[in-house]
């Protein structure tokens, strides 16, 4: 399916060790040309909304996202308060990303936080309830701060299962495809990544579920590996731990593995948009500098 939707690029920042470093990283991301700066929602990492407020102070134009909030962590009424306040105080730059939660999240960490360890079905139930409650509560000025006519920020829903993709097709402005498969990779705490056939099936399912909304919804994909190199084959070999079931050649086609010279990576991103519809690419903070020449080629 031809796709000429404008590219957008996001970066997830979560490693700055101080206020000054965080501000500098945010300014750098904006200067490079990223469209979105996002914060994660993991126990043991900085809280997303305060981080985004500081990002807003340090920047002028980028959108500010949650990539992604774990629906199991948040009371909908309190989440509406945080979302509405952050969107108001960032002059409408917030982009709200939600997911059902990470299957690899540590049960011990959740118990320490006083939270249950939900099953996959319970996580999907929780995401559906959270989205419905957000829609309902955001329309209630007694619960949500700010002007009564202010709309819910752009909503990104991320997942890989059919139930979540069906919900995203119905409710989201942006569908996030993370490209993972069930089970761990060779790196502690990280999932394994799927080949192109699995990703194509998910995209086809989402497109069918979208129906007439297909032209209104943006497709996002996370790229956990960005490696600028002239030794592409060797770099793909080193990514074996992230996709142990794939050959090096197959890893070279995974949308989330951006490997090669800037020109090769730019061409891969164009192919991914043409093949899968991925016009919005989000990288981790380790790919911040590597993406600079790539973004320049795609503008």
Protein backbone atom coordinates (compact mmCIF):
# COMPACT_ATOMS: atom_id res chain seq x y z
CA UNK A 1 0.00 0.00 0.00
CA UNK A 2 1.65 3.29 -1.10
CA UNK A 3 2.41 5.62 1.79
CA UNK A 4 3.77 9.14 1.52
CA UNK A 5 2.88 10.28 5.03
CA UNK A 6 5.50 12.68 6.36
CA UNK A 7 8.16 11.05 8.52
CA UNK A 8 8.27 11.79 12.23
CA UNK A 9 11.10 10.82 14.53
CA UNK A 10 10.97 10.32 18.28
CA UNK A 11 13.61 9.59 20.90
CA UNK A 12 13.11 8.02 24.32
CA UNK A 13 15.36 9.69 26.90
CA UNK A 14 15.87 8.05 30.28
CA UNK A 15 19.55 8.02 31.22
CA UNK A 16 20.38 11.61 32.17
CA UNK A 17 21.87 11.78 35.65
CA UNK A 18 21.06 15.39 36.53
CA UNK A 19 18.77 18.29 35.71
CA UNK A 20 21.50 19.90 33.60
CA UNK A 21 22.17 16.69 31.63
CA UNK A 22 18.47 16.13 30.99
CA UNK A 23 17.99 19.66 29.68
CA UNK A 24 21.06 19.34 27.45
CA UNK A 25 19.86 16.03 26.03
CA UNK A 26 16.44 17.51 25.27
CA UNK A 27 17.92 20.56 23.55
CA UNK A 28 20.22 18.33 21.52
CA UNK A 29 17.33 16.13 20.39
CA UNK A 30 15.39 19.17 19.22
CA UNK A 31 18.42 20.60 17.41
CA UNK A 32 19.04 17.29 15.62
CA UNK A 33 15.49 17.41 14.29
CA UNK A 34 13.54 14.94 16.38
CA UNK A 35 9.81 15.61 16.47
CA UNK A 36 9.08 13.95 19.83
CA UNK A 37 10.95 13.52 23.10
CA UNK A 38 9.48 10.76 25.24
CA UNK A 39 9.86 9.38 28.74
CA UNK A 40 9.35 5.77 29.81
CA UNK A 41 7.19 4.41 32.63
CA UNK A 42 9.30 1.74 34.31
CA UNK A 43 9.73 1.16 38.01
CA UNK A 44 13.25 2.20 38.96
CA UNK A 45 13.38 4.91 36.26
CA UNK A 46 12.51 8.64 36.50
CA UNK A 47 8.80 9.46 36.68
CA UNK A 48 7.58 10.46 33.21
CA UNK A 49 5.49 13.57 33.85
CA UNK A 50 8.09 15.59 35.84
CA UNK A 51 10.68 14.63 33.21
CA UNK A 52 8.42 15.91 30.43
CA UNK A 53 7.79 19.18 32.24
CA UNK A 54 11.53 19.82 32.35
CA UNK A 55 11.81 18.82 28.69
CA UNK A 56 9.17 21.43 27.86
CA UNK A 57 11.16 24.08 29.70
CA UNK A 58 14.29 23.19 27.72
CA UNK A 59 12.70 23.06 24.24
CA UNK A 60 10.46 25.07 21.94
CA UNK A 61 8.72 22.91 19.33
CA UNK A 62 9.05 19.15 19.99
CA UNK A 63 6.08 17.14 21.15
CA UNK A 64 6.50 15.49 24.55
CA UNK A 65 5.41 11.90 24.89
CA UNK A 66 4.98 8.99 27.24
CA UNK A 67 6.43 5.90 25.54
CA UNK A 68 4.54 4.24 27.01
CA UNK A 69 2.56 4.43 30.24
CA UNK A 70 1.81 1.05 31.79
CA UNK A 71 -1.96 1.05 32.30
CA UNK A 72 -1.60 -1.27 35.30
CA UNK A 73 0.36 1.39 37.21
CA UNK A 74 -2.22 4.18 37.07
CA UNK A 75 -5.61 5.08 38.53
CA UNK A 76 -7.60 6.60 35.63
CA UNK A 77 -8.79 9.61 37.65
CA UNK A 78 -5.27 10.45 38.81
CA UNK A 79 -3.92 9.81 35.32
CA UNK A 80 -6.43 12.27 33.84
CA UNK A 81 -5.24 14.88 36.32
CA UNK A 82 -1.58 14.31 35.39
CA UNK A 83 -2.25 14.21 31.65
CA UNK A 84 -4.43 17.32 31.63
CA UNK A 85 -2.04 19.32 33.80
CA UNK A 86 1.02 18.32 31.79
CA UNK A 87 -0.71 19.07 28.49
CA UNK A 88 -1.89 22.45 29.79
CA UNK A 89 1.50 23.51 31.16
CA UNK A 90 3.36 22.39 28.03
CA UNK A 91 1.05 24.44 25.78
CA UNK A 92 -0.58 21.39 24.22
CA UNK A 93 2.59 19.53 23.29
CA UNK A 94 1.77 16.28 25.10
CA UNK A 95 1.45 12.99 23.19
CA UNK A 96 -0.07 10.27 25.38
CA UNK A 97 1.26 6.75 24.87
CA UNK A 98 -0.34 3.81 26.68
CA UNK A 99 0.16 0.05 26.69
CA UNK A 100 -1.09 -2.97 28.58
CA UNK A 101 2.23 -3.39 30.39
CA UNK A 102 5.43 -5.32 29.94
CA UNK A 103 5.16 -9.11 30.29
CA UNK A 104 8.82 -9.09 31.37
CA UNK A 105 8.22 -6.68 34.24
CA UNK A 106 9.62 -8.12 37.45
CA UNK A 107 6.96 -9.61 39.77
CA UNK A 108 9.19 -8.69 42.73
CA UNK A 109 9.29 -5.02 41.71
CA UNK A 110 5.53 -4.92 41.31
CA UNK A 111 4.99 -6.53 44.70
CA UNK A 112 7.36 -4.03 46.31
CA UNK A 113 5.21 -1.27 44.81
CA UNK A 114 2.05 -2.87 46.21
CA UNK A 115 0.81 -3.94 42.77
CA UNK A 116 -0.40 -7.34 41.57
CA UNK A 117 1.33 -9.22 38.76
CA UNK A 118 -1.45 -9.43 36.15
CA UNK A 119 -1.90 -12.08 33.49
CA UNK A 120 -1.84 -11.02 29.81
CA UNK A 121 -5.65 -11.03 29.71
CA UNK A 122 -5.81 -8.91 32.88
CA UNK A 123 -3.34 -6.43 31.38
CA UNK A 124 -5.47 -6.10 28.24
CA UNK A 125 -8.59 -5.68 30.40
CA UNK A 126 -6.84 -2.92 32.32
CA UNK A 127 -5.82 -1.07 29.17
CA UNK A 128 -9.37 -1.18 27.81
CA UNK A 129 -10.76 0.14 31.09
CA UNK A 130 -8.14 2.88 31.25
CA UNK A 131 -8.84 4.12 27.72
CA UNK A 132 -12.61 4.14 28.33
CA UNK A 133 -12.16 5.96 31.64
CA UNK A 134 -9.82 8.52 30.09
CA UNK A 135 -12.39 9.36 27.43
CA UNK A 136 -15.14 9.69 30.02
CA UNK A 137 -13.23 11.54 32.72
CA UNK A 138 -11.46 13.91 30.35
CA UNK A 139 -14.86 15.33 29.46
CA UNK A 140 -15.63 16.06 33.14
CA UNK A 141 -14.34 19.54 34.14
CA UNK A 142 -14.84 18.66 37.82
CA UNK A 143 -12.10 16.03 37.51
CA UNK A 144 -9.89 17.40 34.75
CA UNK A 145 -8.09 20.72 35.24
CA UNK A 146 -7.89 23.21 32.41
CA UNK A 147 -10.33 24.66 29.86
CA UNK A 148 -13.44 22.48 29.43
CA UNK A 149 -13.11 22.38 25.63
CA UNK A 150 -9.54 21.10 25.66
CA UNK A 151 -9.37 17.73 23.82
CA UNK A 152 -7.54 14.61 24.91
CA UNK A 153 -3.95 14.77 23.61
CA UNK A 154 -3.02 12.55 20.64
CA UNK A 155 -3.31 8.96 21.84
CA UNK A 156 -0.74 6.28 20.99
CA UNK A 157 -1.68 2.71 21.89
CA UNK A 158 1.09 0.13 21.60
CA UNK A 159 1.05 -3.65 21.56
CA UNK A 160 1.47 -6.81 19.53
CA UNK A 161 -1.58 -8.94 20.38
CA UNK A 162 -4.78 -8.88 18.35
CA UNK A 163 -6.90 -7.67 21.25
CA UNK A 164 -4.73 -4.59 21.85
CA UNK A 165 -4.36 -3.90 18.13
CA UNK A 166 -8.15 -4.06 17.76
CA UNK A 167 -8.52 -1.55 20.61
CA UNK A 168 -5.87 0.69 19.02
CA UNK A 169 -7.64 0.57 15.67
CA UNK A 170 -10.81 1.76 17.37
CA UNK A 171 -9.41 4.38 19.75
CA UNK A 172 -5.88 5.51 18.85
CA UNK A 173 -4.49 8.34 16.78
CA UNK A 174 -1.21 6.42 16.56
CA UNK A 175 -0.67 2.65 16.67
CA UNK A 176 2.66 1.57 18.14
CA UNK A 177 4.19 -1.67 16.82
CA UNK A 178 7.08 -2.78 19.02
CA UNK A 179 8.17 -5.76 16.93
CA UNK A 180 8.77 -8.12 19.85
CA UNK A 181 7.84 -11.76 20.37
CA UNK A 182 7.01 -13.68 23.53
CA UNK A 183 10.03 -14.77 25.53
CA UNK A 184 13.35 -13.19 26.51
CA UNK A 185 16.27 -12.32 24.25
CA UNK A 186 19.89 -12.92 25.07
CA UNK A 187 20.06 -9.62 26.95
CA UNK A 188 18.75 -9.44 30.49
CA UNK A 189 15.45 -7.55 30.74
CA UNK A 190 14.95 -7.23 26.98
CA UNK A 191 12.46 -9.13 24.81
CA UNK A 192 13.37 -10.91 21.59
CA UNK A 193 12.44 -9.32 18.27
CA UNK A 194 10.29 -10.79 15.53
CA UNK A 195 11.04 -11.23 11.85
CA UNK A 196 9.28 -9.38 9.07
CA UNK A 197 6.59 -12.05 8.56
CA UNK A 198 5.25 -11.63 12.10
CA UNK A 199 5.33 -7.85 11.81
CA UNK A 200 3.56 -7.96 8.45
CA UNK A 201 0.77 -10.07 9.98
CA UNK A 202 0.28 -7.56 12.79
CA UNK A 203 0.20 -4.65 10.36
CA UNK A 204 -2.29 -6.46 8.12
CA UNK A 205 -4.52 -7.19 11.12
CA UNK A 206 -4.42 -3.55 12.24
CA UNK A 207 -5.16 -2.27 8.74
CA UNK A 208 -8.17 -4.55 8.43
CA UNK A 209 -9.43 -3.51 11.87
CA UNK A 210 -9.04 0.19 11.03
CA UNK A 211 -11.41 0.07 8.07
CA UNK A 212 -12.29 3.61 7.02
CA UNK A 213 -9.93 5.06 9.65
CA UNK A 214 -6.85 3.78 7.80
CA UNK A 215 -5.89 7.22 6.45
CA UNK A 216 -6.40 8.93 9.82
CA UNK A 217 -4.09 6.80 11.97
CA UNK A 218 -0.30 7.00 12.10
CA UNK A 219 1.85 3.85 12.40
CA UNK A 220 4.78 4.00 14.81
CA UNK A 221 7.62 1.53 15.22
CA UNK A 222 10.29 1.37 17.88
CA UNK A 223 13.91 0.95 16.73
CA UNK A 224 15.94 -0.38 19.67
CA UNK A 225 19.13 -0.65 17.61
CA UNK A 226 20.62 2.15 15.49
CA UNK A 227 24.13 1.35 14.28
CA UNK A 228 25.86 3.63 11.79
CA UNK A 229 28.62 1.58 10.18
CA UNK A 230 30.18 0.52 6.90
CA UNK A 231 30.52 -3.04 8.27
CA UNK A 232 26.83 -3.87 8.15
CA UNK A 233 27.10 -7.66 8.21
CA UNK A 234 29.32 -7.67 11.30
CA UNK A 235 26.96 -5.29 13.10
CA UNK A 236 23.98 -7.53 12.27
CA UNK A 237 25.90 -10.50 13.66
CA UNK A 238 26.31 -8.63 16.95
CA UNK A 239 22.53 -8.12 17.13
CA UNK A 240 22.05 -11.88 17.44
CA UNK A 241 21.22 -11.52 21.13
CA UNK A 242 18.19 -9.36 20.30
CA UNK A 243 16.83 -11.77 17.68
CA UNK A 244 18.35 -15.20 18.36
CA UNK A 245 15.92 -17.05 16.10
CA UNK A 246 16.81 -14.98 13.01
CA UNK A 247 19.75 -15.18 10.63
CA UNK A 248 21.94 -12.12 10.04
CA UNK A 249 20.23 -11.61 6.68
CA UNK A 250 16.79 -11.76 8.31
CA UNK A 251 17.89 -9.34 11.02
CA UNK A 252 18.85 -6.94 8.25
CA UNK A 253 15.17 -6.63 7.31
CA UNK A 254 13.78 -6.17 10.84
CA UNK A 255 12.24 -2.66 10.92
CA UNK A 256 13.61 -2.00 14.40
CA UNK A 257 17.24 -2.75 13.48
CA UNK A 258 18.55 0.30 11.63
CA UNK A 259 22.04 -0.70 10.53
CA UNK A 260 24.43 0.62 7.86
CA UNK A 261 25.60 3.93 6.49
CA UNK A 262 23.25 6.91 6.94
CA UNK A 263 22.14 6.49 3.33
CA UNK A 264 21.43 2.77 3.84
CA UNK A 265 19.45 3.44 7.00
CA UNK A 266 17.46 6.19 5.30
CA UNK A 267 16.61 3.82 2.46
CA UNK A 268 15.58 1.13 4.96
CA UNK A 269 13.24 3.59 6.68
CA UNK A 270 11.70 4.51 3.31
CA UNK A 271 11.14 0.79 2.56
CA UNK A 272 9.58 0.26 5.97
CA UNK A 273 7.14 3.09 5.28
CA UNK A 274 6.27 1.64 1.88
CA UNK A 275 5.96 -1.95 3.12
CA UNK A 276 4.49 -1.57 6.59
CA UNK A 277 3.30 2.03 6.77
CA UNK A 278 5.78 3.00 9.50
CA UNK A 279 6.15 6.76 9.11
CA UNK A 280 6.84 7.49 12.79
CA UNK A 281 10.07 5.97 14.11
CA UNK A 282 11.07 6.05 17.77
CA UNK A 283 14.64 5.28 18.83
CA UNK A 284 16.22 4.87 22.24
CA UNK A 285 18.59 7.48 23.62
CA UNK A 286 21.61 5.46 22.46
CA UNK A 287 20.55 6.26 18.88
CA UNK A 288 20.29 10.01 19.43
CA UNK A 289 23.52 11.03 17.68
CA UNK A 290 23.43 8.21 15.13
CA UNK A 291 20.09 9.41 13.76
CA UNK A 292 21.27 12.97 13.06
CA UNK A 293 22.54 12.37 9.49
CA UNK A 294 19.65 9.99 8.78
CA UNK A 295 17.01 12.55 9.74
CA UNK A 296 18.76 15.12 7.58
CA UNK A 297 18.52 12.79 4.56
CA UNK A 298 14.80 12.17 5.11
CA UNK A 299 13.65 15.77 5.52
